[in-house]
PDB file of all heavy atoms in Angstrom:
ATOM      1  N   GLY A   1     125.471  55.282  98.275  1.00  0.00           N
ATOM      2  CA  GLY A   1     126.244  55.390  97.046  1.00  0.00           C
ATOM      3  C   GLY A   1     125.422  54.991  95.839  1.00  0.00           C
ATOM      4  O   GLY A   1     124.277  54.558  95.955  1.00  0.00           O
ATOM      5  N   GLY A   2     126.017  55.165  94.657  1.00  0.00           N
ATOM      6  CA  GLY A   2     125.323  54.771  93.448  1.00  0.00           C
ATOM      7  C   GLY A   2     125.865  55.474  92.229  1.00  0.00           C
ATOM      8  O   GLY A   2     126.957  56.051  92.255  1.00  0.00           O
ATOM      9  N   LEU A   3     125.082  55.407  91.166  1.00  0.00           N
ATOM     10  CA  LEU A   3     125.450  56.016  89.888  1.00  0.00           C
ATOM     11  C   LEU A   3     124.605  57.264  89.681  1.00  0.00           C
ATOM     12  O   LEU A   3     123.377  57.223  89.837  1.00  0.00           O
ATOM     13  CB  LEU A   3     125.210  55.016  88.761  1.00  0.00           C
ATOM     14  CG  LEU A   3     125.372  55.533  87.327  1.00  0.00           C
ATOM     15  CD1 LEU A   3     126.811  55.944  87.069  1.00  0.00           C
ATOM     16  CD2 LEU A   3     124.928  54.452  86.337  1.00  0.00           C
ATOM     17  N   VAL A   4     125.262  58.347  89.315  1.00  0.00           N
ATOM     18  CA  VAL A   4     124.555  59.603  89.102  1.00  0.00           C
ATOM     19  C   VAL A   4     125.223  60.345  87.947  1.00  0.00           C
ATOM     20  O   VAL A   4     126.417  60.161  87.693  1.00  0.00           O
ATOM     21  CB  VAL A   4     124.565  60.458  90.392  1.00  0.00           C
ATOM     22  CG1 VAL A   4     125.975  60.889  90.767  1.00  0.00           C
ATOM     23  CG2 VAL A   4     123.630  61.650  90.281  1.00  0.00           C
ATOM     24  N   GLN A   5     124.464  61.156  87.262  1.00  0.00           N
ATOM     25  CA  GLN A   5     125.021  61.951  86.176  1.00  0.00           C
ATOM     26  C   GLN A   5     125.749  63.165  86.728  1.00  0.00           C
ATOM     27  O   GLN A   5     125.470  63.636  87.840  1.00  0.00           O
ATOM     28  CB  GLN A   5     123.916  62.399  85.226  1.00  0.00           C
ATOM     29  CG  GLN A   5     123.337  61.283  84.383  1.00  0.00           C
ATOM     30  CD  GLN A   5     122.364  61.788  83.330  1.00  0.00           C
ATOM     31  OE1 GLN A   5     121.738  62.825  83.501  1.00  0.00           O
ATOM     32  NE2 GLN A   5     122.245  61.064  82.237  1.00  0.00           N
ATOM     33  N   SER A   6     126.657  63.673  85.934  1.00  0.00           N
ATOM     34  CA  SER A   6     127.389  64.877  86.309  1.00  0.00           C
ATOM     35  C   SER A   6     126.401  66.005  86.630  1.00  0.00           C
ATOM     36  O   SER A   6     125.412  66.209  85.910  1.00  0.00           O
ATOM     37  CB  SER A   6     128.295  65.294  85.154  1.00  0.00           C
ATOM     38  OG  SER A   6     129.033  66.435  85.504  1.00  0.00           O
ATOM     39  N   GLY A   7     126.661  66.681  87.755  1.00  0.00           N
ATOM     40  CA  GLY A   7     125.760  67.729  88.202  1.00  0.00           C
ATOM     41  C   GLY A   7     124.714  67.263  89.199  1.00  0.00           C
ATOM     42  O   GLY A   7     124.013  68.087  89.798  1.00  0.00           O
ATOM     43  N   GLY A   8     124.605  65.956  89.356  1.00  0.00           N
ATOM     44  CA  GLY A   8     123.618  65.399  90.263  1.00  0.00           C
ATOM     45  C   GLY A   8     124.068  65.399  91.708  1.00  0.00           C
ATOM     46  O   GLY A   8     125.145  65.916  92.056  1.00  0.00           O
ATOM     47  N   SER A   9     123.229  64.800  92.549  1.00  0.00           N
ATOM     48  CA  SER A   9     123.488  64.782  93.988  1.00  0.00           C
ATOM     49  C   SER A   9     123.310  63.380  94.549  1.00  0.00           C
ATOM     50  O   SER A   9     122.532  62.577  94.026  1.00  0.00           O
ATOM     51  CB  SER A   9     122.509  65.717  94.711  1.00  0.00           C
ATOM     52  OG  SER A   9     122.665  67.061  94.293  1.00  0.00           O
ATOM     53  N   LEU A  10     124.035  63.122  95.623  1.00  0.00           N
ATOM     54  CA  LEU A  10     123.880  61.899  96.400  1.00  0.00           C
ATOM     55  C   LEU A  10     124.094  62.247  97.867  1.00  0.00           C
ATOM     56  O   LEU A  10     124.805  63.204  98.185  1.00  0.00           O
ATOM     57  CB  LEU A  10     124.910  60.845  96.003  1.00  0.00           C
ATOM     58  CG  LEU A  10     124.723  60.097  94.685  1.00  0.00           C
ATOM     59  CD1 LEU A  10     125.938  59.221  94.405  1.00  0.00           C
ATOM     60  CD2 LEU A  10     123.461  59.245  94.723  1.00  0.00           C
ATOM     61  N   ARG A  11     123.508  61.433  98.723  1.00  0.00           N
ATOM     62  CA  ARG A  11     123.713  61.617 100.161  1.00  0.00           C
ATOM     63  C   ARG A  11     124.186  60.299 100.756  1.00  0.00           C
ATOM     64  O   ARG A  11     123.493  59.283 100.654  1.00  0.00           O
ATOM     65  CB  ARG A  11     122.426  62.059 100.851  1.00  0.00           C
ATOM     66  CG  ARG A  11     122.617  62.419 102.325  1.00  0.00           C
ATOM     67  CD  ARG A  11     121.300  62.712 102.977  1.00  0.00           C
ATOM     68  NE  ARG A  11     121.447  63.325 104.287  1.00  0.00           N
ATOM     69  CZ  ARG A  11     120.718  62.996 105.347  1.00  0.00           C
ATOM     70  NH1 ARG A  11     119.798  62.063 105.241  1.00  0.00           N
ATOM     71  NH2 ARG A  11     120.900  63.618 106.499  1.00  0.00           N
ATOM     72  N   LEU A  12     125.349  60.330 101.366  1.00  0.00           N
ATOM     73  CA  LEU A  12     125.900  59.156 102.020  1.00  0.00           C
ATOM     74  C   LEU A  12     125.587  59.211 103.515  1.00  0.00           C
ATOM     75  O   LEU A  12     125.588  60.291 104.119  1.00  0.00           O
ATOM     76  CB  LEU A  12     127.410  59.072 101.833  1.00  0.00           C
ATOM     77  CG  LEU A  12     127.929  59.104 100.397  1.00  0.00           C
ATOM     78  CD1 LEU A  12     129.453  58.953 100.396  1.00  0.00           C
ATOM     79  CD2 LEU A  12     127.290  58.033  99.554  1.00  0.00           C
ATOM     80  N   SER A  13     125.341  58.040 104.074  1.00  0.00           N
ATOM     81  CA  SER A  13     125.110  57.925 105.514  1.00  0.00           C
ATOM     82  C   SER A  13     126.030  56.861 106.082  1.00  0.00           C
ATOM     83  O   SER A  13     126.341  55.878 105.410  1.00  0.00           O
ATOM     84  CB  SER A  13     123.655  57.537 105.803  1.00  0.00           C
ATOM     85  OG  SER A  13     122.758  58.499 105.326  1.00  0.00           O
ATOM     86  N   CYS A  14     126.430  57.061 107.315  1.00  0.00           N
ATOM     87  CA  CYS A  14     127.265  56.082 108.005  1.00  0.00           C
ATOM     88  C   CYS A  14     126.763  55.965 109.438  1.00  0.00           C
ATOM     89  O   CYS A  14     126.892  56.910 110.223  1.00  0.00           O
ATOM     90  CB  CYS A  14     128.724  56.504 107.982  1.00  0.00           C
ATOM     91  SG  CYS A  14     129.818  55.443 108.956  1.00  0.00           S
ATOM     92  N   ALA A  15     126.209  54.827 109.734  1.00  0.00           N
ATOM     93  CA  ALA A  15     125.691  54.577 111.078  1.00  0.00           C
ATOM     94  C   ALA A  15     126.622  53.625 111.804  1.00  0.00           C
ATOM     95  O   ALA A  15     127.120  52.656 111.225  1.00  0.00           O
ATOM     96  CB  ALA A  15     124.289  53.978 110.995  1.00  0.00           C
ATOM     97  N   THR A  16     126.845  53.904 113.075  1.00  0.00           N
ATOM     98  CA  THR A  16     127.706  53.038 113.863  1.00  0.00           C
ATOM     99  C   THR A  16     126.866  52.089 114.711  1.00  0.00           C
ATOM    100  O   THR A  16     125.792  52.465 115.188  1.00  0.00           O
ATOM    101  CB  THR A  16     128.615  53.852 114.793  1.00  0.00           C
ATOM    102  OG1 THR A  16     127.802  54.572 115.723  1.00  0.00           O
ATOM    103  CG2 THR A  16     129.447  54.846 114.010  1.00  0.00           C
ATOM    104  N   SER A  17     127.335  50.896 114.842  1.00  0.00           N
ATOM    105  CA  SER A  17     126.707  49.941 115.751  1.00  0.00           C
ATOM    106  C   SER A  17     127.770  49.443 116.718  1.00  0.00           C
ATOM    107  O   SER A  17     128.940  49.366 116.361  1.00  0.00           O
ATOM    108  CB  SER A  17     126.091  48.774 114.973  1.00  0.00           C
ATOM    109  OG  SER A  17     127.109  48.062 114.290  1.00  0.00           O
ATOM    110  N   GLY A  18     127.350  49.108 117.910  1.00  0.00           N
ATOM    111  CA  GLY A  18     128.314  48.759 118.943  1.00  0.00           C
ATOM    112  C   GLY A  18     128.667  50.002 119.732  1.00  0.00           C
ATOM    113  O   GLY A  18     128.249  51.111 119.415  1.00  0.00           O
ATOM    114  N   SER A  19     129.492  49.845 120.706  1.00  0.00           N
ATOM    115  CA  SER A  19     129.816  50.940 121.612  1.00  0.00           C
ATOM    116  C   SER A  19     131.174  51.533 121.268  1.00  0.00           C
ATOM    117  O   SER A  19     132.176  50.826 121.243  1.00  0.00           O
ATOM    118  CB  SER A  19     129.815  50.436 123.052  1.00  0.00           C
ATOM    119  OG  SER A  19     130.147  51.473 123.942  1.00  0.00           O
ATOM    120  N   ILE A  20     131.174  52.817 120.973  1.00  0.00           N
ATOM    121  CA  ILE A  20     132.428  53.527 120.725  1.00  0.00           C
ATOM    122  C   ILE A  20     132.559  54.591 121.800  1.00  0.00           C
ATOM    123  O   ILE A  20     131.748  55.518 121.868  1.00  0.00           O
ATOM    124  CB  ILE A  20     132.471  54.184 119.339  1.00  0.00           C
ATOM    125  CG1 ILE A  20     132.246  53.140 118.245  1.00  0.00           C
ATOM    126  CG2 ILE A  20     133.802  54.885 119.135  1.00  0.00           C
ATOM    127  CD1 ILE A  20     132.211  53.718 116.850  1.00  0.00           C
ATOM    128  N   PHE A  21     133.558  54.450 122.619  1.00  0.00           N
ATOM    129  CA  PHE A  21     133.739  55.404 123.701  1.00  0.00           C
ATOM    130  C   PHE A  21     134.545  56.587 123.223  1.00  0.00           C
ATOM    131  O   PHE A  21     135.578  56.457 122.608  1.00  0.00           O
ATOM    132  CB  PHE A  21     134.446  54.716 124.877  1.00  0.00           C
ATOM    133  CG  PHE A  21     134.750  55.645 126.011  1.00  0.00           C
ATOM    134  CD1 PHE A  21     133.738  56.085 126.844  1.00  0.00           C
ATOM    135  CD2 PHE A  21     136.041  56.084 126.245  1.00  0.00           C
ATOM    136  CE1 PHE A  21     134.002  56.951 127.881  1.00  0.00           C
ATOM    137  CE2 PHE A  21     136.315  56.947 127.288  1.00  0.00           C
ATOM    138  CZ  PHE A  21     135.295  57.382 128.101  1.00  0.00           C
ATOM    139  N   SER A  22     134.030  57.761 123.495  1.00  0.00           N
ATOM    140  CA  SER A  22     134.769  58.990 123.260  1.00  0.00           C
ATOM    141  C   SER A  22     135.209  59.147 121.799  1.00  0.00           C
ATOM    142  O   SER A  22     136.412  59.124 121.494  1.00  0.00           O
ATOM    143  CB  SER A  22     136.002  59.042 124.177  1.00  0.00           C
ATOM    144  OG  SER A  22     136.631  60.305 124.091  1.00  0.00           O
ATOM    145  N   ILE A  23     134.224  59.318 120.918  1.00  0.00           N
ATOM    146  CA  ILE A  23     134.550  59.596 119.520  1.00  0.00           C
ATOM    147  C   ILE A  23     135.124  60.995 119.412  1.00  0.00           C
ATOM    148  O   ILE A  23     134.560  61.953 119.947  1.00  0.00           O
ATOM    149  CB  ILE A  23     133.301  59.475 118.643  1.00  0.00           C
ATOM    150  CG1 ILE A  23     132.836  58.017 118.576  1.00  0.00           C
ATOM    151  CG2 ILE A  23     133.588  59.988 117.235  1.00  0.00           C
ATOM    152  CD1 ILE A  23     131.556  57.838 117.803  1.00  0.00           C
ATOM    153  N   TYR A  24     136.234  61.109 118.706  1.00  0.00           N
ATOM    154  CA  TYR A  24     136.834  62.419 118.482  1.00  0.00           C
ATOM    155  C   TYR A  24     136.332  63.036 117.184  1.00  0.00           C
ATOM    156  O   TYR A  24     135.965  64.198 117.128  1.00  0.00           O
ATOM    157  CB  TYR A  24     138.350  62.327 118.470  1.00  0.00           C
ATOM    158  CG  TYR A  24     138.999  63.622 118.037  1.00  0.00           C
ATOM    159  CD1 TYR A  24     138.945  64.743 118.854  1.00  0.00           C
ATOM    160  CD2 TYR A  24     139.607  63.738 116.795  1.00  0.00           C
ATOM    161  CE1 TYR A  24     139.497  65.943 118.456  1.00  0.00           C
ATOM    162  CE2 TYR A  24     140.163  64.936 116.390  1.00  0.00           C
ATOM    163  CZ  TYR A  24     140.103  66.028 117.222  1.00  0.00           C
ATOM    164  OH  TYR A  24     140.652  67.222 116.802  1.00  0.00           O
ATOM    165  N   ALA A  25     136.341  62.248 116.123  1.00  0.00           N
ATOM    166  CA  ALA A  25     135.946  62.772 114.820  1.00  0.00           C
ATOM    167  C   ALA A  25     135.317  61.685 113.970  1.00  0.00           C
ATOM    168  O   ALA A  25     135.632  60.501 114.124  1.00  0.00           O
ATOM    169  CB  ALA A  25     137.152  63.361 114.086  1.00  0.00           C
ATOM    170  N   MET A  26     134.437  62.113 113.090  1.00  0.00           N
ATOM    171  CA  MET A  26     133.843  61.222 112.102  1.00  0.00           C
ATOM    172  C   MET A  26     134.019  61.884 110.748  1.00  0.00           C
ATOM    173  O   MET A  26     133.971  63.118 110.643  1.00  0.00           O
ATOM    174  CB  MET A  26     132.363  60.995 112.387  1.00  0.00           C
ATOM    175  CG  MET A  26     132.084  60.421 113.767  1.00  0.00           C
ATOM    176  SD  MET A  26     130.327  60.150 114.078  1.00  0.00           S
ATOM    177  CE  MET A  26     130.037  58.674 113.109  1.00  0.00           C
ATOM    178  N   GLY A  27     134.206  61.077 109.738  1.00  0.00           N
ATOM    179  CA  GLY A  27     134.414  61.686 108.434  1.00  0.00           C
ATOM    180  C   GLY A  27     134.331  60.710 107.292  1.00  0.00           C
ATOM    181  O   GLY A  27     133.954  59.547 107.476  1.00  0.00           O
ATOM    182  N   TRP A  28     134.667  61.221 106.127  1.00  0.00           N
ATOM    183  CA  TRP A  28     134.620  60.457 104.893  1.00  0.00           C
ATOM    184  C   TRP A  28     135.938  60.593 104.146  1.00  0.00           C
ATOM    185  O   TRP A  28     136.480  61.701 104.034  1.00  0.00           O
ATOM    186  CB  TRP A  28     133.482  60.956 103.999  1.00  0.00           C
ATOM    187  CG  TRP A  28     132.137  60.709 104.577  1.00  0.00           C
ATOM    188  CD1 TRP A  28     131.406  61.539 105.370  1.00  0.00           C
ATOM    189  CD2 TRP A  28     131.346  59.528 104.413  1.00  0.00           C
ATOM    190  NE1 TRP A  28     130.212  60.960 105.709  1.00  0.00           N
ATOM    191  CE2 TRP A  28     130.150  59.719 105.132  1.00  0.00           C
ATOM    192  CE3 TRP A  28     131.520  58.330 103.713  1.00  0.00           C
ATOM    193  CZ2 TRP A  28     129.150  58.758 105.185  1.00  0.00           C
ATOM    194  CZ3 TRP A  28     130.524  57.378 103.755  1.00  0.00           C
ATOM    195  CH2 TRP A  28     129.357  57.599 104.480  1.00  0.00           C
ATOM    196  N   TYR A  29     136.408  59.480 103.655  1.00  0.00           N
ATOM    197  CA  TYR A  29     137.568  59.425 102.770  1.00  0.00           C
ATOM    198  C   TYR A  29     137.102  58.809 101.454  1.00  0.00           C
ATOM    199  O   TYR A  29     136.032  58.198 101.392  1.00  0.00           O
ATOM    200  CB  TYR A  29     138.677  58.546 103.375  1.00  0.00           C
ATOM    201  CG  TYR A  29     139.426  59.190 104.518  1.00  0.00           C
ATOM    202  CD1 TYR A  29     138.808  59.388 105.748  1.00  0.00           C
ATOM    203  CD2 TYR A  29     140.754  59.577 104.371  1.00  0.00           C
ATOM    204  CE1 TYR A  29     139.502  59.971 106.800  1.00  0.00           C
ATOM    205  CE2 TYR A  29     141.456  60.152 105.428  1.00  0.00           C
ATOM    206  CZ  TYR A  29     140.811  60.344 106.631  1.00  0.00           C
ATOM    207  OH  TYR A  29     141.502  60.917 107.674  1.00  0.00           O
ATOM    208  N   ARG A  30     137.901  58.971 100.440  1.00  0.00           N
ATOM    209  CA  ARG A  30     137.589  58.317  99.171  1.00  0.00           C
ATOM    210  C   ARG A  30     138.868  57.828  98.511  1.00  0.00           C
ATOM    211  O   ARG A  30     139.948  58.371  98.745  1.00  0.00           O
ATOM    212  CB  ARG A  30     136.825  59.244  98.226  1.00  0.00           C
ATOM    213  CG  ARG A  30     137.622  60.432  97.703  1.00  0.00           C
ATOM    214  CD  ARG A  30     136.723  61.352  96.890  1.00  0.00           C
ATOM    215  NE  ARG A  30     137.452  62.501  96.364  1.00  0.00           N
ATOM    216  CZ  ARG A  30     136.871  63.521  95.736  1.00  0.00           C
ATOM    217  NH1 ARG A  30     135.548  63.533  95.550  1.00  0.00           N
ATOM    218  NH2 ARG A  30     137.608  64.529  95.286  1.00  0.00           N
ATOM    219  N   GLN A  31     138.687  56.805  97.694  1.00  0.00           N
ATOM    220  CA  GLN A  31     139.816  56.254  96.961  1.00  0.00           C
ATOM    221  C   GLN A  31     139.382  55.950  95.541  1.00  0.00           C
ATOM    222  O   GLN A  31     138.527  55.083  95.320  1.00  0.00           O
ATOM    223  CB  GLN A  31     140.355  54.997  97.634  1.00  0.00           C
ATOM    224  CG  GLN A  31     141.638  54.474  97.014  1.00  0.00           C
ATOM    225  CD  GLN A  31     142.315  53.441  97.895  1.00  0.00           C
ATOM    226  OE1 GLN A  31     141.709  52.859  98.792  1.00  0.00           O
ATOM    227  NE2 GLN A  31     143.603  53.209  97.656  1.00  0.00           N
ATOM    228  N   ALA A  32     139.940  56.677  94.614  1.00  0.00           N
ATOM    229  CA  ALA A  32     139.674  56.436  93.205  1.00  0.00           C
ATOM    230  C   ALA A  32     140.626  55.348  92.705  1.00  0.00           C
ATOM    231  O   ALA A  32     141.677  55.097  93.298  1.00  0.00           O
ATOM    232  CB  ALA A  32     139.861  57.715  92.401  1.00  0.00           C
ATOM    233  N   LEU A  33     140.259  54.737  91.619  1.00  0.00           N
ATOM    234  CA  LEU A  33     141.046  53.642  91.060  1.00  0.00           C
ATOM    235  C   LEU A  33     142.458  54.117  90.752  1.00  0.00           C
ATOM    236  O   LEU A  33     142.658  55.127  90.061  1.00  0.00           O
ATOM    237  CB  LEU A  33     140.375  53.120  89.797  1.00  0.00           C
ATOM    238  CG  LEU A  33     140.823  51.753  89.299  1.00  0.00           C
ATOM    239  CD1 LEU A  33     140.520  50.685  90.340  1.00  0.00           C
ATOM    240  CD2 LEU A  33     140.141  51.417  87.973  1.00  0.00           C
ATOM    241  N   GLY A  34     143.440  53.417  91.302  1.00  0.00           N
ATOM    242  CA  GLY A  34     144.829  53.759  91.046  1.00  0.00           C
ATOM    243  C   GLY A  34     145.368  54.920  91.837  1.00  0.00           C
ATOM    244  O   GLY A  34     146.512  55.345  91.622  1.00  0.00           O
ATOM    245  N   LYS A  35     144.575  55.439  92.769  1.00  0.00           N
ATOM    246  CA  LYS A  35     145.020  56.591  93.554  1.00  0.00           C
ATOM    247  C   LYS A  35     145.000  56.255  95.039  1.00  0.00           C
ATOM    248  O   LYS A  35     144.399  55.278  95.465  1.00  0.00           O
ATOM    249  CB  LYS A  35     144.133  57.803  93.263  1.00  0.00           C
ATOM    250  CG  LYS A  35     144.221  58.304  91.840  1.00  0.00           C
ATOM    251  CD  LYS A  35     143.456  59.598  91.666  1.00  0.00           C
ATOM    252  CE  LYS A  35     143.588  60.139  90.255  1.00  0.00           C
ATOM    253  NZ  LYS A  35     142.846  61.421  90.083  1.00  0.00           N
ATOM    254  N   GLN A  36     145.647  57.116  95.818  1.00  0.00           N
ATOM    255  CA  GLN A  36     145.675  56.924  97.255  1.00  0.00           C
ATOM    256  C   GLN A  36     144.362  57.381  97.884  1.00  0.00           C
ATOM    257  O   GLN A  36     143.655  58.241  97.335  1.00  0.00           O
ATOM    258  CB  GLN A  36     146.845  57.715  97.861  1.00  0.00           C
ATOM    259  CG  GLN A  36     148.210  57.141  97.537  1.00  0.00           C
ATOM    260  CD  GLN A  36     149.319  57.851  98.308  1.00  0.00           C
ATOM    261  OE1 GLN A  36     149.211  59.026  98.629  1.00  0.00           O
ATOM    262  NE2 GLN A  36     150.392  57.133  98.600  1.00  0.00           N
ATOM    263  N   ARG A  37     144.068  56.822  99.028  1.00  0.00           N
ATOM    264  CA  ARG A  37     142.892  57.251  99.769  1.00  0.00           C
ATOM    265  C   ARG A  37     143.125  58.678 100.277  1.00  0.00           C
ATOM    266  O   ARG A  37     144.213  59.001 100.765  1.00  0.00           O
ATOM    267  CB  ARG A  37     142.627  56.300 100.934  1.00  0.00           C
ATOM    268  CG  ARG A  37     141.307  56.507 101.618  1.00  0.00           C
ATOM    269  CD  ARG A  37     141.038  55.419 102.644  1.00  0.00           C
ATOM    270  NE  ARG A  37     140.943  54.092 102.046  1.00  0.00           N
ATOM    271  CZ  ARG A  37     140.533  53.020 102.704  1.00  0.00           C
ATOM    272  NH1 ARG A  37     140.174  53.116 103.973  1.00  0.00           N
ATOM    273  NH2 ARG A  37     140.480  51.852 102.098  1.00  0.00           N
ATOM    274  N   GLU A  38     142.084  59.508 100.159  1.00  0.00           N
ATOM    275  CA  GLU A  38     142.215  60.897 100.563  1.00  0.00           C
ATOM    276  C   GLU A  38     141.037  61.320 101.424  1.00  0.00           C
ATOM    277  O   GLU A  38     139.917  60.813 101.267  1.00  0.00           O
ATOM    278  CB  GLU A  38     142.292  61.814  99.330  1.00  0.00           C
ATOM    279  CG  GLU A  38     141.072  61.791  98.456  1.00  0.00           C
ATOM    280  CD  GLU A  38     141.142  62.789  97.311  1.00  0.00           C
ATOM    281  OE1 GLU A  38     142.133  63.531  97.200  1.00  0.00           O
ATOM    282  OE2 GLU A  38     140.168  62.836  96.535  1.00  0.00           O
ATOM    283  N   LEU A  39     141.288  62.285 102.291  1.00  0.00           N
ATOM    284  CA  LEU A  39     140.223  62.832 103.130  1.00  0.00           C
ATOM    285  C   LEU A  39     139.297  63.678 102.276  1.00  0.00           C
ATOM    286  O   LEU A  39     139.735  64.518 101.484  1.00  0.00           O
ATOM    287  CB  LEU A  39     140.828  63.693 104.245  1.00  0.00           C
ATOM    288  CG  LEU A  39     139.830  64.454 105.101  1.00  0.00           C
ATOM    289  CD1 LEU A  39     139.004  63.499 105.950  1.00  0.00           C
ATOM    290  CD2 LEU A  39     140.540  65.463 105.979  1.00  0.00           C
ATOM    291  N   VAL A  40     138.004  63.470 102.453  1.00  0.00           N
ATOM    292  CA  VAL A  40     136.997  64.288 101.779  1.00  0.00           C
ATOM    293  C   VAL A  40     136.472  65.347 102.746  1.00  0.00           C
ATOM    294  O   VAL A  40     136.467  66.536 102.444  1.00  0.00           O
ATOM    295  CB  VAL A  40     135.838  63.429 101.260  1.00  0.00           C
ATOM    296  CG1 VAL A  40     134.757  64.308 100.647  1.00  0.00           C
ATOM    297  CG2 VAL A  40     136.341  62.392 100.263  1.00  0.00           C
ATOM    298  N   ALA A  41     136.027  64.900 103.903  1.00  0.00           N
ATOM    299  CA  ALA A  41     135.471  65.819 104.895  1.00  0.00           C
ATOM    300  C   ALA A  41     135.471  65.138 106.248  1.00  0.00           C
ATOM    301  O   ALA A  41     135.364  63.903 106.330  1.00  0.00           O
ATOM    302  CB  ALA A  41     134.056  66.244 104.520  1.00  0.00           C
ATOM    303  N   ALA A  42     135.575  65.937 107.300  1.00  0.00           N
ATOM    304  CA  ALA A  42     135.544  65.392 108.650  1.00  0.00           C
ATOM    305  C   ALA A  42     134.937  66.411 109.587  1.00  0.00           C
ATOM    306  O   ALA A  42     135.009  67.626 109.348  1.00  0.00           O
ATOM    307  CB  ALA A  42     136.950  65.018 109.112  1.00  0.00           C
ATOM    308  N   VAL A  43     134.335  65.910 110.660  1.00  0.00           N
ATOM    309  CA  VAL A  43     133.757  66.779 111.682  1.00  0.00           C
ATOM    310  C   VAL A  43     134.122  66.211 113.045  1.00  0.00           C
ATOM    311  O   VAL A  43     133.995  65.015 113.292  1.00  0.00           O
ATOM    312  CB  VAL A  43     132.224  66.908 111.516  1.00  0.00           C
ATOM    313  CG1 VAL A  43     131.536  65.558 111.506  1.00  0.00           C
ATOM    314  CG2 VAL A  43     131.645  67.814 112.583  1.00  0.00           C
ATOM    315  N   THR A  44     134.602  67.077 113.926  1.00  0.00           N
ATOM    316  CA  THR A  44     134.979  66.626 115.267  1.00  0.00           C
ATOM    317  C   THR A  44     133.763  66.657 116.193  1.00  0.00           C
ATOM    318  O   THR A  44     132.712  67.215 115.860  1.00  0.00           O
ATOM    319  CB  THR A  44     136.073  67.520 115.856  1.00  0.00           C
ATOM    320  OG1 THR A  44     135.519  68.810 116.126  1.00  0.00           O
ATOM    321  CG2 THR A  44     137.250  67.657 114.906  1.00  0.00           C
TER     322      THR A  44
END
């Protein structure tokens, strides 16, 4: 994450540690100030 100007790009990473058996899906949600958390993208 970070600060970027409009039109720019960022790449988020999420690494898991520990043992997770049988992952069904991984994804990203976001929550803007004063708003509900929403799904951004997911992959099964």
